[in-house]
Amino acid sequence: MTNQDVDAKGWRAWLLTDVPTSRNHARMVSWYQGWLSLKRNTLAMIGLAILVALLLVAALAPLIAPHDPFFQDLSNRLAAPFSAGHVLGTDSLGRDILSRLIYGSRITLYIVVLVALIAPAAGLIIGTVAGYTGGIVDTVLMRLTDIFLAFPRLVLALAFAAALGAGIENAVLAISLTAWPPYARIARAETLTIRNSDFISAIRLQGAGAIRIVTRHIWPLCISSLVVRVTLDMAGIILTAAGLGFLGLGAQPPSPEWGAMISDGRKFILDHWWVATMPGLAIFTISLAFNLLGDGLRDVLDPKESSQ
């Protein structure tokens, strides 16, 4: 047995111990056990593998894209897949579809990351403030949340995008403005459960103020539920972003945004199906990957949900 094997077994035993020696040790033990549980979920690992591949494709786009995504070759427009050096064919302007899909993954990730940072943070703040404060503040914030939830997300996003103007940043803002209410609901429910707990009363007796209690003790307990919801919502966010791009309210030409590519290809769907089908398959694959990973994370972070 090599020293590396001994070290590996030592680290594994340290991460699987039932008696952590510190708070950080306990946190690492919890993360490692969660990772082991996630690894046992085959579908979740498939989703994770697809998303890791998407990250690598986006990061290495200049190296792996076979052609310039903006180069137009009108003499080779609407070429079929596997013809003239174009694996997925070309679009109506002779641009390589595979290269545009690869570069379009960057736009998709850009939108997803920004929305995933903005919407849950806004929902967490609003929900915890409403749940911890109660009274008229809770009533006003929750009625505002109900107003946003009363409208279909895509319709509301279209309204905001039309008011703000076309563009990726405005699309991100429009999607974020429609995505925060569910997170606020979850955060409020978690806060109502926690705020009268014995440990919160003890912290309050020690002189901790409302801001410290909310940020240091309530927010960390809400994170796991929000992470699961964010992961499951990613598919809807991608579809909403693609819908805005399809209608010309998202990324503007010649950006290789997947929704805009479908919009461009719909005019040729009967005779040149690949122009719209390839970006549609990309959206389907990434949305499915997020759903698979979200289901796995829900089983890990919320065991009550999976036991019902």
Protein backbone atom coordinates (compact mmCIF):
# COMPACT_ATOMS: atom_id res chain seq x y z
CA MET A 1 0.00 0.00 0.00
CA THR A 2 1.44 3.35 -1.05
CA ASN A 3 1.62 6.52 1.01
CA GLN A 4 -0.98 8.04 -1.31
CA ASP A 5 -3.42 5.23 -0.49
CA VAL A 6 -2.83 5.79 3.21
CA ASP A 7 -3.36 9.53 2.82
CA ALA A 8 -6.54 8.96 0.79
CA LYS A 9 -7.95 6.61 3.44
CA GLY A 10 -6.99 9.06 6.15
CA TRP A 11 -8.80 11.93 4.42
CA ARG A 12 -11.83 9.73 3.79
CA ALA A 13 -11.98 8.66 7.45
CA TRP A 14 -11.59 12.30 8.50
CA LEU A 15 -14.49 13.32 6.24
CA LEU A 16 -16.73 10.44 7.40
CA THR A 17 -16.17 10.82 11.13
CA ASP A 18 -19.16 10.99 13.44
CA VAL A 19 -17.34 13.32 15.84
CA PRO A 20 -16.19 16.50 14.04
CA THR A 21 -13.52 18.47 15.87
CA SER A 22 -14.60 21.93 14.76
CA ARG A 23 -17.36 23.82 12.98
CA ASN A 24 -15.44 23.85 9.70
CA HIS A 25 -14.77 20.13 10.06
CA ALA A 26 -18.48 19.48 10.60
CA ARG A 27 -19.31 21.56 7.53
CA MET A 28 -16.85 19.62 5.37
CA VAL A 29 -18.22 16.31 6.69
CA SER A 30 -21.73 17.42 5.76
CA TRP A 31 -20.64 18.49 2.27
CA TYR A 32 -18.77 15.24 1.65
CA GLN A 33 -21.68 13.10 2.79
CA GLY A 34 -23.98 15.14 0.56
CA TRP A 35 -21.62 14.58 -2.37
CA LEU A 36 -21.60 10.81 -1.72
CA SER A 37 -25.39 10.82 -1.65
CA LEU A 38 -25.51 12.81 -4.89
CA LYS A 39 -23.07 10.39 -6.55
CA ARG A 40 -25.48 7.54 -5.95
CA ASN A 41 -28.10 9.32 -8.06
CA THR A 42 -27.24 8.33 -11.63
CA LEU A 43 -29.58 10.80 -13.31
CA ALA A 44 -28.26 13.67 -11.21
CA MET A 45 -24.69 12.78 -12.17
CA ILE A 46 -25.71 12.71 -15.84
CA GLY A 47 -27.15 16.20 -15.45
CA LEU A 48 -24.00 17.37 -13.66
CA ALA A 49 -21.81 15.89 -16.41
CA ILE A 50 -23.79 17.73 -19.09
CA LEU A 51 -23.48 21.03 -17.21
CA VAL A 52 -19.75 20.55 -16.66
CA ALA A 53 -19.41 19.85 -20.38
CA LEU A 54 -21.34 23.06 -21.10
CA LEU A 55 -18.96 25.04 -18.88
CA LEU A 56 -15.95 23.55 -20.67
CA VAL A 57 -17.46 24.26 -24.08
CA ALA A 58 -18.18 27.86 -23.12
CA ALA A 59 -14.70 28.36 -21.66
CA LEU A 60 -12.91 26.76 -24.62
CA ALA A 61 -15.17 28.15 -27.35
CA PRO A 62 -12.36 29.89 -29.30
CA LEU A 63 -10.35 26.66 -29.33
CA ILE A 64 -13.04 24.12 -30.21
CA ALA A 65 -15.33 26.11 -32.52
CA PRO A 66 -14.54 24.92 -36.07
CA HIS A 67 -15.48 28.24 -37.71
CA ASP A 68 -15.99 31.90 -36.94
CA PRO A 69 -19.60 32.11 -35.67
CA PHE A 70 -20.11 35.46 -37.43
CA PHE A 71 -18.55 34.60 -40.80
CA GLN A 72 -21.12 34.63 -43.61
CA ASP A 73 -20.72 32.44 -46.68
CA LEU A 74 -23.77 33.10 -48.84
CA SER A 75 -22.56 30.63 -51.43
CA ASN A 76 -22.93 27.88 -48.83
CA ARG A 77 -26.17 28.96 -47.12
CA LEU A 78 -28.54 26.34 -45.67
CA ALA A 79 -26.01 23.54 -46.16
CA ALA A 80 -27.13 20.21 -44.74
CA PRO A 81 -25.37 18.64 -41.73
CA PHE A 82 -22.07 16.87 -42.45
CA SER A 83 -21.60 18.74 -45.70
CA ALA A 84 -18.79 21.04 -46.77
CA GLY A 85 -17.07 20.83 -43.39
CA HIS A 86 -20.12 21.87 -41.36
CA VAL A 87 -21.08 19.17 -38.87
CA LEU A 88 -24.50 20.66 -38.06
CA GLY A 89 -24.97 22.54 -41.33
CA THR A 90 -25.25 26.27 -41.94
CA ASP A 91 -27.98 28.86 -41.45
CA SER A 92 -29.64 31.24 -43.89
CA LEU A 93 -26.52 33.42 -44.04
CA GLY A 94 -24.07 30.57 -44.43
CA ARG A 95 -22.84 30.72 -40.84
CA ASP A 96 -21.73 27.49 -39.18
CA ILE A 97 -24.46 26.32 -36.77
CA LEU A 98 -22.14 24.28 -34.53
CA SER A 99 -19.84 27.25 -33.99
CA ARG A 100 -22.79 29.50 -33.20
CA LEU A 101 -24.14 26.94 -30.71
CA ILE A 102 -20.75 26.77 -29.00
CA TYR A 103 -20.47 30.54 -28.68
CA GLY A 104 -24.16 30.78 -27.79
CA SER A 105 -23.48 28.65 -24.70
CA ARG A 106 -21.59 31.65 -23.31
CA ILE A 107 -24.67 33.84 -23.62
CA THR A 108 -26.85 31.19 -22.01
CA LEU A 109 -24.48 30.79 -19.06
CA TYR A 110 -24.16 34.57 -18.73
CA ILE A 111 -27.92 34.95 -18.43
CA VAL A 112 -28.32 31.97 -16.10
CA VAL A 113 -25.55 33.06 -13.73
CA LEU A 114 -26.76 36.65 -13.46
CA VAL A 115 -30.37 35.65 -12.87
CA ALA A 116 -29.27 33.01 -10.35
CA LEU A 117 -27.38 35.72 -8.43
CA ILE A 118 -30.02 38.46 -8.58
CA ALA A 119 -33.41 36.75 -8.18
CA PRO A 120 -32.66 34.45 -5.19
CA ALA A 121 -30.83 37.25 -3.37
CA ALA A 122 -33.78 39.61 -3.82
CA GLY A 123 -36.25 36.92 -2.79
CA LEU A 124 -34.15 35.97 0.25
CA ILE A 125 -34.01 39.55 1.50
CA ILE A 126 -37.71 40.24 0.93
CA GLY A 127 -38.86 36.91 2.35
CA THR A 128 -36.75 37.00 5.50
CA VAL A 129 -37.62 40.62 6.23
CA ALA A 130 -41.32 39.85 5.81
CA GLY A 131 -41.17 36.67 7.89
CA TYR A 132 -39.05 38.06 10.73
CA THR A 133 -40.72 41.48 10.98
CA GLY A 134 -44.34 40.39 10.56
CA GLY A 135 -47.24 42.80 10.87
CA ILE A 136 -47.87 45.43 8.21
CA VAL A 137 -44.43 44.90 6.64
CA ASP A 138 -45.18 41.22 6.09
CA THR A 139 -48.61 42.02 4.66
CA VAL A 140 -47.33 44.64 2.21
CA LEU A 141 -44.39 42.56 0.97
CA MET A 142 -46.45 39.39 0.55
CA ARG A 143 -49.24 41.20 -1.29
CA LEU A 144 -46.58 42.61 -3.63
CA THR A 145 -45.30 39.07 -4.11
CA ASP A 146 -48.84 37.87 -4.86
CA ILE A 147 -49.21 40.55 -7.55
CA PHE A 148 -46.09 39.31 -9.33
CA LEU A 149 -47.19 35.68 -8.98
CA ALA A 150 -50.60 36.50 -10.48
CA PHE A 151 -49.04 37.01 -13.93
CA PRO A 152 -47.51 34.25 -16.08
CA ARG A 153 -43.74 34.61 -15.86
CA LEU A 154 -43.11 34.80 -19.60
CA VAL A 155 -45.85 37.41 -20.14
CA LEU A 156 -44.50 39.55 -17.31
CA ALA A 157 -40.93 39.17 -18.60
CA LEU A 158 -42.09 40.25 -22.06
CA ALA A 159 -43.72 43.33 -20.57
CA PHE A 160 -40.60 44.31 -18.63
CA ALA A 161 -38.30 43.58 -21.59
CA ALA A 162 -40.48 45.66 -23.91
CA ALA A 163 -40.43 48.54 -21.42
CA LEU A 164 -36.68 48.32 -20.76
CA GLY A 165 -35.67 47.74 -24.37
CA ALA A 166 -33.96 44.89 -26.20
CA GLY A 167 -30.59 43.60 -25.05
CA ILE A 168 -29.04 40.89 -22.90
CA GLU A 169 -28.72 43.00 -19.76
CA ASN A 170 -32.32 44.18 -20.00
CA ALA A 171 -33.43 40.59 -20.59
CA VAL A 172 -31.56 39.51 -17.44
CA LEU A 173 -33.23 42.30 -15.46
CA ALA A 174 -36.66 41.42 -16.86
CA ILE A 175 -36.26 37.73 -16.01
CA SER A 176 -34.96 38.56 -12.52
CA LEU A 177 -37.94 40.84 -11.85
CA THR A 178 -40.27 37.94 -12.58
CA ALA A 179 -38.25 35.17 -10.89
CA TRP A 180 -37.85 36.46 -7.31
CA PRO A 181 -41.38 35.86 -5.85
CA PRO A 182 -41.07 32.06 -5.34
CA TYR A 183 -37.78 32.57 -3.47
CA ALA A 184 -39.42 35.18 -1.27
CA ARG A 185 -42.20 32.72 -0.43
CA ILE A 186 -39.71 29.98 0.49
CA ALA A 187 -37.55 32.34 2.57
CA ARG A 188 -40.60 33.67 4.43
CA ALA A 189 -41.84 30.16 5.22
CA GLU A 190 -38.41 29.14 6.51
CA THR A 191 -38.15 32.33 8.58
CA LEU A 192 -41.59 31.83 10.17
CA THR A 193 -40.48 28.35 11.21
CA ILE A 194 -37.17 29.53 12.64
CA ARG A 195 -37.86 32.92 14.23
CA ASN A 196 -39.52 31.54 17.38
CA SER A 197 -37.00 28.74 17.88
CA ASP A 198 -35.20 28.41 21.20
CA PHE A 199 -31.79 29.15 19.73
CA ILE A 200 -33.07 32.39 18.16
CA SER A 201 -34.52 33.40 21.54
CA ALA A 202 -31.17 32.66 23.15
CA ILE A 203 -29.34 34.75 20.56
CA ARG A 204 -31.82 37.59 21.09
CA LEU A 205 -31.25 37.45 24.86
CA GLN A 206 -27.52 37.82 24.25
CA GLY A 207 -28.24 41.22 22.71
CA ALA A 208 -28.10 40.38 19.00
CA GLY A 209 -30.07 42.78 16.81
CA ALA A 210 -32.55 41.87 14.10
CA ILE A 211 -30.06 42.41 11.27
CA ARG A 212 -27.48 40.11 12.86
CA ILE A 213 -30.06 37.43 13.60
CA VAL A 214 -31.41 37.49 10.06
CA THR A 215 -28.07 37.61 8.24
CA ARG A 216 -26.01 35.34 10.50
CA HIS A 217 -28.54 32.77 11.68
CA ILE A 218 -31.65 32.75 9.46
CA TRP A 219 -30.13 33.22 6.02
CA PRO A 220 -27.78 30.21 6.32
CA LEU A 221 -30.74 27.98 7.18
CA CYS A 222 -32.67 29.19 4.11
CA ILE A 223 -29.83 28.63 1.63
CA SER A 224 -30.34 24.90 1.04
CA SER A 225 -34.00 25.32 0.08
CA LEU A 226 -33.13 28.22 -2.24
CA VAL A 227 -30.31 26.26 -3.91
CA VAL A 228 -32.70 23.45 -4.77
CA ARG A 229 -35.30 25.89 -6.11
CA VAL A 230 -32.69 27.79 -8.15
CA THR A 231 -31.45 24.61 -9.78
CA LEU A 232 -34.97 23.49 -10.65
CA ASP A 233 -35.82 26.98 -11.96
CA MET A 234 -32.84 27.12 -14.33
CA ALA A 235 -34.76 25.31 -17.05
CA GLY A 236 -37.55 27.89 -16.87
CA ILE A 237 -35.02 30.72 -16.91
CA ILE A 238 -33.33 29.30 -20.00
CA LEU A 239 -36.68 28.89 -21.75
CA THR A 240 -37.72 32.44 -20.82
CA ALA A 241 -34.42 33.84 -22.09
CA ALA A 242 -34.83 31.85 -25.30
CA GLY A 243 -38.39 33.14 -25.64
CA LEU A 244 -37.21 36.74 -25.32
CA GLY A 245 -34.49 36.07 -27.88
CA PHE A 246 -37.01 34.41 -30.19
CA LEU A 247 -39.17 37.53 -30.07
CA GLY A 248 -36.23 39.87 -30.59
CA LEU A 249 -36.19 41.23 -27.03
CA GLY A 250 -33.05 39.42 -25.85
CA ALA A 251 -29.61 39.24 -27.44
CA GLN A 252 -29.54 41.15 -30.70
CA PRO A 253 -28.17 39.98 -34.06
CA PRO A 254 -25.61 38.86 -34.92
CA SER A 255 -25.16 37.39 -31.41
CA PRO A 256 -25.50 33.60 -31.54
CA GLU A 257 -28.24 33.36 -28.91
CA TRP A 258 -30.13 30.06 -29.10
CA GLY A 259 -33.62 31.56 -29.04
CA ALA A 260 -32.74 34.01 -31.80
CA MET A 261 -31.28 31.12 -33.82
CA ILE A 262 -34.59 29.28 -33.56
CA SER A 263 -36.41 32.42 -34.66
CA ASP A 264 -34.14 32.70 -37.68
CA GLY A 265 -34.61 29.03 -38.57
CA ARG A 266 -38.39 28.82 -38.19
CA LYS A 267 -38.84 30.22 -41.69
CA PHE A 268 -37.05 27.16 -43.09
CA ILE A 269 -38.36 24.51 -40.71
CA LEU A 270 -40.05 22.39 -43.41
CA ASP A 271 -37.23 22.22 -45.95
CA HIS A 272 -34.17 22.92 -43.79
CA TRP A 273 -35.15 21.53 -40.41
CA TRP A 274 -31.67 21.58 -38.88
CA VAL A 275 -31.45 25.40 -38.70
CA ALA A 276 -34.08 25.58 -35.93
CA THR A 277 -33.80 22.03 -34.59
CA MET A 278 -30.15 22.17 -33.48
CA PRO A 279 -30.51 25.16 -31.12
CA GLY A 280 -33.81 23.70 -29.93
CA LEU A 281 -32.04 20.46 -29.00
CA ALA A 282 -29.36 22.47 -27.20
CA ILE A 283 -32.01 24.26 -25.10
CA PHE A 284 -33.76 20.95 -24.39
CA THR A 285 -30.53 19.23 -23.32
CA ILE A 286 -29.39 21.96 -20.95
CA SER A 287 -32.87 22.37 -19.46
CA LEU A 288 -33.08 18.60 -18.87
CA ALA A 289 -29.62 18.62 -17.26
CA PHE A 290 -30.64 21.31 -14.77
CA ASN A 291 -33.84 19.42 -13.91
CA LEU A 292 -31.95 16.17 -13.32
CA LEU A 293 -29.38 17.88 -11.13
CA GLY A 294 -32.09 19.79 -9.28
CA ASP A 295 -33.95 16.58 -8.44
CA GLY A 296 -30.72 15.08 -7.10
CA LEU A 297 -29.94 18.14 -4.99
CA ARG A 298 -33.47 18.12 -3.61
CA ASP A 299 -32.97 14.55 -2.40
CA VAL A 300 -29.66 15.52 -0.77
CA LEU A 301 -30.58 18.88 0.75
CA ASP A 302 -34.21 18.15 1.62
CA PRO A 303 -34.53 14.49 2.68
CA LYS A 304 -38.13 15.09 3.85
CA GLU A 305 -39.12 15.82 0.25
CA SER A 306 -37.72 12.57 -1.10
CA SER A 307 -39.29 10.44 1.67
CA GLN A 308 -42.82 11.57 0.95
